[in-house]
């Protein structure tokens, strides 16, 4: 089902303070630093082997990451896993009681993604990513991937960010 962990996202109130630790103290290399107005956040990706560490700073308090920070403070926000067969993984998760935000995988540069609703004790948004077959398209850079899904109308629990019941 799961091949590897590709992305860990942490919501932070201030990127500069977070970079003092992750870049300066730990010595992690910055891979990208972008402002993402669509998701109302600034995002820095750091390389950790084959995994990216994304630091997310909201630029609007009412954005999903902004509301998350108001509720929980700086914390783990999102995990991205590479899977071999996204449809099989989605069916398996549904059979095991997980709730998906996506009924069908979404096409993104380099593959397809789907999100698992962050319910239950974990409270962490989970992304499933199936890469395109080798040779069909280059692997995406993490900066081009969406950090948070757009929640469908009616699922806007807890200010746009579902959490443990």
C-alpha atoms as a PDB file:
ATOM      1  CA  UNK A   1       0.000   0.000   0.000  1.00  0.00           C
ATOM      2  CA  UNK A   2       2.438   2.706   1.191  1.00  0.00           C
ATOM      3  CA  UNK A   3       5.801   2.891  -0.579  1.00  0.00           C
ATOM      4  CA  UNK A   4       7.419   5.779   1.288  1.00  0.00           C
ATOM      5  CA  UNK A   5       6.955   9.007   3.179  1.00  0.00           C
ATOM      6  CA  UNK A   6       7.455  11.909   0.760  1.00  0.00           C
ATOM      7  CA  UNK A   7       6.325  15.011   2.621  1.00  0.00           C
ATOM      8  CA  UNK A   8       5.922  16.217   6.212  1.00  0.00           C
ATOM      9  CA  UNK A   9       4.236  19.608   6.685  1.00  0.00           C
ATOM     10  CA  UNK A  10       4.385  21.638   9.876  1.00  0.00           C
ATOM     11  CA  UNK A  11       2.209  24.702  10.471  1.00  0.00           C
ATOM     12  CA  UNK A  12       4.308  27.524  11.947  1.00  0.00           C
ATOM     13  CA  UNK A  13       3.427  31.090  12.975  1.00  0.00           C
ATOM     14  CA  UNK A  14       6.734  32.552  11.705  1.00  0.00           C
ATOM     15  CA  UNK A  15       8.874  31.035   8.943  1.00  0.00           C
ATOM     16  CA  UNK A  16      12.004  32.931   9.962  1.00  0.00           C
ATOM     17  CA  UNK A  17      11.894  31.528  13.506  1.00  0.00           C
ATOM     18  CA  UNK A  18      11.250  28.003  12.216  1.00  0.00           C
ATOM     19  CA  UNK A  19      14.127  28.330   9.716  1.00  0.00           C
ATOM     20  CA  UNK A  20      16.492  29.331  12.526  1.00  0.00           C
ATOM     21  CA  UNK A  21      16.034  25.821  13.873  1.00  0.00           C
ATOM     22  CA  UNK A  22      15.444  23.608  10.820  1.00  0.00           C
ATOM     23  CA  UNK A  23      17.883  25.319   8.427  1.00  0.00           C
ATOM     24  CA  UNK A  24      20.412  26.994  10.700  1.00  0.00           C
ATOM     25  CA  UNK A  25      20.618  24.610  13.681  1.00  0.00           C
ATOM     26  CA  UNK A  26      19.866  21.297  11.947  1.00  0.00           C
ATOM     27  CA  UNK A  27      21.586  22.257   8.700  1.00  0.00           C
ATOM     28  CA  UNK A  28      18.734  21.269   6.366  1.00  0.00           C
ATOM     29  CA  UNK A  29      18.947  22.664   2.833  1.00  0.00           C
ATOM     30  CA  UNK A  30      16.135  24.920   1.571  1.00  0.00           C
ATOM     31  CA  UNK A  31      14.744  23.445  -1.640  1.00  0.00           C
ATOM     32  CA  UNK A  32      12.077  26.072  -2.369  1.00  0.00           C
ATOM     33  CA  UNK A  33      10.548  29.159  -0.802  1.00  0.00           C
ATOM     34  CA  UNK A  34       7.274  30.376  -2.294  1.00  0.00           C
ATOM     35  CA  UNK A  35       4.207  32.414  -1.487  1.00  0.00           C
ATOM     36  CA  UNK A  36       1.031  30.539  -2.374  1.00  0.00           C
ATOM     37  CA  UNK A  37      -1.868  33.026  -2.561  1.00  0.00           C
ATOM     38  CA  UNK A  38      -4.338  30.289  -3.589  1.00  0.00           C
ATOM     39  CA  UNK A  39      -3.859  28.586  -0.199  1.00  0.00           C
ATOM     40  CA  UNK A  40      -3.080  31.868   1.637  1.00  0.00           C
ATOM     41  CA  UNK A  41       0.313  30.755   2.900  1.00  0.00           C
ATOM     42  CA  UNK A  42       4.053  31.017   2.585  1.00  0.00           C
ATOM     43  CA  UNK A  43       5.758  27.660   2.146  1.00  0.00           C
ATOM     44  CA  UNK A  44       9.391  26.606   2.525  1.00  0.00           C
ATOM     45  CA  UNK A  45      10.509  23.094   1.579  1.00  0.00           C
ATOM     46  CA  UNK A  46      13.677  21.644   3.066  1.00  0.00           C
ATOM     47  CA  UNK A  47      15.390  18.493   1.827  1.00  0.00           C
ATOM     48  CA  UNK A  48      15.716  15.530   4.192  1.00  0.00           C
ATOM     49  CA  UNK A  49      16.956  12.703   1.973  1.00  0.00           C
ATOM     50  CA  UNK A  50      14.057  11.685  -0.293  1.00  0.00           C
ATOM     51  CA  UNK A  51      11.544  13.367   2.009  1.00  0.00           C
ATOM     52  CA  UNK A  52      10.617  17.038   2.017  1.00  0.00           C
ATOM     53  CA  UNK A  53       9.885  18.976   5.181  1.00  0.00           C
ATOM     54  CA  UNK A  54       7.418  21.773   4.440  1.00  0.00           C
ATOM     55  CA  UNK A  55       7.061  24.719   6.793  1.00  0.00           C
ATOM     56  CA  UNK A  56       3.702  26.450   6.298  1.00  0.00           C
ATOM     57  CA  UNK A  57       3.049  30.004   7.496  1.00  0.00           C
ATOM     58  CA  UNK A  58      -0.437  31.379   6.876  1.00  0.00           C
ATOM     59  CA  UNK A  59      -0.759  34.827   5.348  1.00  0.00           C
ATOM     60  CA  UNK A  60      -4.440  35.026   6.359  1.00  0.00           C
ATOM     61  CA  UNK A  61      -5.810  34.095   9.779  1.00  0.00           C
ATOM     62  CA  UNK A  62      -8.966  32.617   8.221  1.00  0.00           C
ATOM     63  CA  UNK A  63      -7.104  30.246   5.896  1.00  0.00           C
ATOM     64  CA  UNK A  64      -7.139  26.515   6.771  1.00  0.00           C
ATOM     65  CA  UNK A  65      -3.549  26.708   8.070  1.00  0.00           C
ATOM     66  CA  UNK A  66      -4.314  29.956   9.924  1.00  0.00           C
ATOM     67  CA  UNK A  67      -7.291  28.405  11.718  1.00  0.00           C
ATOM     68  CA  UNK A  68      -5.240  25.293  12.476  1.00  0.00           C
ATOM     69  CA  UNK A  69      -2.540  27.442  14.138  1.00  0.00           C
ATOM     70  CA  UNK A  70      -5.137  29.330  16.177  1.00  0.00           C
ATOM     71  CA  UNK A  71      -6.526  26.043  17.509  1.00  0.00           C
ATOM     72  CA  UNK A  72      -3.387  23.972  17.985  1.00  0.00           C
ATOM     73  CA  UNK A  73      -0.364  26.192  17.650  1.00  0.00           C
ATOM     74  CA  UNK A  74       2.687  25.081  15.717  1.00  0.00           C
ATOM     75  CA  UNK A  75       2.205  21.372  14.995  1.00  0.00           C
ATOM     76  CA  UNK A  76       2.294  18.565  12.469  1.00  0.00           C
ATOM     77  CA  UNK A  77      -0.251  19.446   9.796  1.00  0.00           C
ATOM     78  CA  UNK A  78       0.109  17.102   6.832  1.00  0.00           C
ATOM     79  CA  UNK A  79       1.798  13.834   5.817  1.00  0.00           C
ATOM     80  CA  UNK A  80       2.286  12.869   2.170  1.00  0.00           C
ATOM     81  CA  UNK A  81       2.769   9.207   1.283  1.00  0.00           C
ATOM     82  CA  UNK A  82       3.718   7.697  -2.067  1.00  0.00           C
ATOM     83  CA  UNK A  83       1.531   4.715  -2.956  1.00  0.00           C
ATOM     84  CA  UNK A  84       1.815   2.146  -5.721  1.00  0.00           C
ATOM     85  CA  UNK A  85      -1.898   1.955  -6.612  1.00  0.00           C
ATOM     86  CA  UNK A  86      -3.972   4.913  -5.439  1.00  0.00           C
ATOM     87  CA  UNK A  87      -7.379   3.374  -6.223  1.00  0.00           C
ATOM     88  CA  UNK A  88      -6.537   0.186  -4.315  1.00  0.00           C
ATOM     89  CA  UNK A  89      -5.185   2.233  -1.400  1.00  0.00           C
ATOM     90  CA  UNK A  90      -8.351   4.357  -1.322  1.00  0.00           C
ATOM     91  CA  UNK A  91     -10.607   1.264  -1.386  1.00  0.00           C
ATOM     92  CA  UNK A  92      -8.544  -0.388   1.353  1.00  0.00           C
ATOM     93  CA  UNK A  93      -8.693   2.697   3.566  1.00  0.00           C
ATOM     94  CA  UNK A  94     -12.460   2.994   3.068  1.00  0.00           C
ATOM     95  CA  UNK A  95     -12.893  -0.676   3.985  1.00  0.00           C
ATOM     96  CA  UNK A  96     -10.858  -0.023   7.140  1.00  0.00           C
ATOM     97  CA  UNK A  97     -13.086   2.868   8.189  1.00  0.00           C
ATOM     98  CA  UNK A  98     -11.107   5.878   6.972  1.00  0.00           C
ATOM     99  CA  UNK A  99     -12.964   8.855   5.504  1.00  0.00           C
ATOM    100  CA  UNK A 100     -11.629  10.296   2.258  1.00  0.00           C
ATOM    101  CA  UNK A 101     -11.902  13.931   1.192  1.00  0.00           C
ATOM    102  CA  UNK A 102     -11.658  12.842  -2.451  1.00  0.00           C
ATOM    103  CA  UNK A 103     -13.944  10.296  -4.104  1.00  0.00           C
ATOM    104  CA  UNK A 104     -11.603  10.053  -7.101  1.00  0.00           C
ATOM    105  CA  UNK A 105      -7.865  10.756  -7.353  1.00  0.00           C
ATOM    106  CA  UNK A 106      -6.977  14.238  -8.645  1.00  0.00           C
ATOM    107  CA  UNK A 107      -4.496  14.710 -11.474  1.00  0.00           C
ATOM    108  CA  UNK A 108      -1.472  16.830 -10.489  1.00  0.00           C
ATOM    109  CA  UNK A 109       1.910  17.365 -12.151  1.00  0.00           C
ATOM    110  CA  UNK A 110       3.709  14.025 -12.031  1.00  0.00           C
ATOM    111  CA  UNK A 111       0.873  11.855 -10.768  1.00  0.00           C
ATOM    112  CA  UNK A 112      -2.410  11.651  -8.904  1.00  0.00           C
ATOM    113  CA  UNK A 113      -3.350  12.552  -5.327  1.00  0.00           C
ATOM    114  CA  UNK A 114      -6.182  11.991  -2.865  1.00  0.00           C
ATOM    115  CA  UNK A 115      -6.616  13.154   0.719  1.00  0.00           C
ATOM    116  CA  UNK A 116      -7.753  11.287   3.829  1.00  0.00           C
ATOM    117  CA  UNK A 117      -9.916  13.280   6.241  1.00  0.00           C
ATOM    118  CA  UNK A 118      -8.033  14.048   9.473  1.00  0.00           C
ATOM    119  CA  UNK A 119     -10.571  12.496  11.855  1.00  0.00           C
ATOM    120  CA  UNK A 120     -10.000  10.427  14.922  1.00  0.00           C
ATOM    121  CA  UNK A 121      -7.072  10.629  17.279  1.00  0.00           C
ATOM    122  CA  UNK A 122      -4.487  11.468  14.631  1.00  0.00           C
ATOM    123  CA  UNK A 123      -5.922  14.846  13.539  1.00  0.00           C
ATOM    124  CA  UNK A 124      -3.375  14.978  10.685  1.00  0.00           C
ATOM    125  CA  UNK A 125      -4.259  15.496   7.041  1.00  0.00           C
ATOM    126  CA  UNK A 126      -2.927  12.571   4.976  1.00  0.00           C
ATOM    127  CA  UNK A 127      -2.135  12.813   1.267  1.00  0.00           C
ATOM    128  CA  UNK A 128      -1.815   9.768  -0.956  1.00  0.00           C
ATOM    129  CA  UNK A 129       0.288  10.281  -4.087  1.00  0.00           C
ATOM    130  CA  UNK A 130       0.718   7.877  -6.974  1.00  0.00           C
ATOM    131  CA  UNK A 131       3.454   8.942  -9.389  1.00  0.00           C
ATOM    132  CA  UNK A 132       2.988   8.612 -13.121  1.00  0.00           C
ATOM    133  CA  UNK A 133       4.710   5.536 -14.561  1.00  0.00           C
ATOM    134  CA  UNK A 134       8.427   6.158 -15.046  1.00  0.00           C
ATOM    135  CA  UNK A 135       9.257   7.867 -18.292  1.00  0.00           C
ATOM    136  CA  UNK A 136       5.822   9.465 -18.774  1.00  0.00           C
ATOM    137  CA  UNK A 137       6.427  12.693 -16.873  1.00  0.00           C
ATOM    138  CA  UNK A 138       9.085  14.092 -14.593  1.00  0.00           C
ATOM    139  CA  UNK A 139       8.606  13.776 -10.856  1.00  0.00           C
ATOM    140  CA  UNK A 140       6.984  16.910  -9.456  1.00  0.00           C
ATOM    141  CA  UNK A 141       8.926  19.304  -7.336  1.00  0.00           C
ATOM    142  CA  UNK A 142       7.244  19.634  -3.962  1.00  0.00           C
ATOM    143  CA  UNK A 143       6.623  23.350  -4.495  1.00  0.00           C
ATOM    144  CA  UNK A 144       4.104  22.575  -7.262  1.00  0.00           C
ATOM    145  CA  UNK A 145       1.972  20.282  -5.084  1.00  0.00           C
ATOM    146  CA  UNK A 146      -1.036  21.505  -3.139  1.00  0.00           C
ATOM    147  CA  UNK A 147      -0.456  21.512   0.629  1.00  0.00           C
ATOM    148  CA  UNK A 148      -4.124  21.412   1.606  1.00  0.00           C
ATOM    149  CA  UNK A 149      -7.240  20.343  -0.251  1.00  0.00           C
ATOM    150  CA  UNK A 150     -10.207  22.564  -0.806  1.00  0.00           C
ATOM    151  CA  UNK A 151     -12.856  21.110   1.486  1.00  0.00           C
ATOM    152  CA  UNK A 152     -16.218  20.524  -0.183  1.00  0.00           C
ATOM    153  CA  UNK A 153     -19.205  22.624   0.944  1.00  0.00           C
ATOM    154  CA  UNK A 154     -20.821  21.223   4.069  1.00  0.00           C
ATOM    155  CA  UNK A 155     -17.612  19.633   5.351  1.00  0.00           C
ATOM    156  CA  UNK A 156     -16.346  22.877   6.832  1.00  0.00           C
ATOM    157  CA  UNK A 157     -16.118  21.606  10.388  1.00  0.00           C
ATOM    158  CA  UNK A 158     -14.220  23.454  13.047  1.00  0.00           C
ATOM    159  CA  UNK A 159     -13.510  26.515  10.958  1.00  0.00           C
ATOM    160  CA  UNK A 160     -12.530  24.617   7.844  1.00  0.00           C
ATOM    161  CA  UNK A 161     -10.231  22.070   9.501  1.00  0.00           C
ATOM    162  CA  UNK A 162     -11.803  18.857  10.799  1.00  0.00           C
ATOM    163  CA  UNK A 163     -10.178  17.484  13.945  1.00  0.00           C
ATOM    164  CA  UNK A 164     -10.569  14.651  16.432  1.00  0.00           C
ATOM    165  CA  UNK A 165     -14.061  14.241  17.816  1.00  0.00           C
END
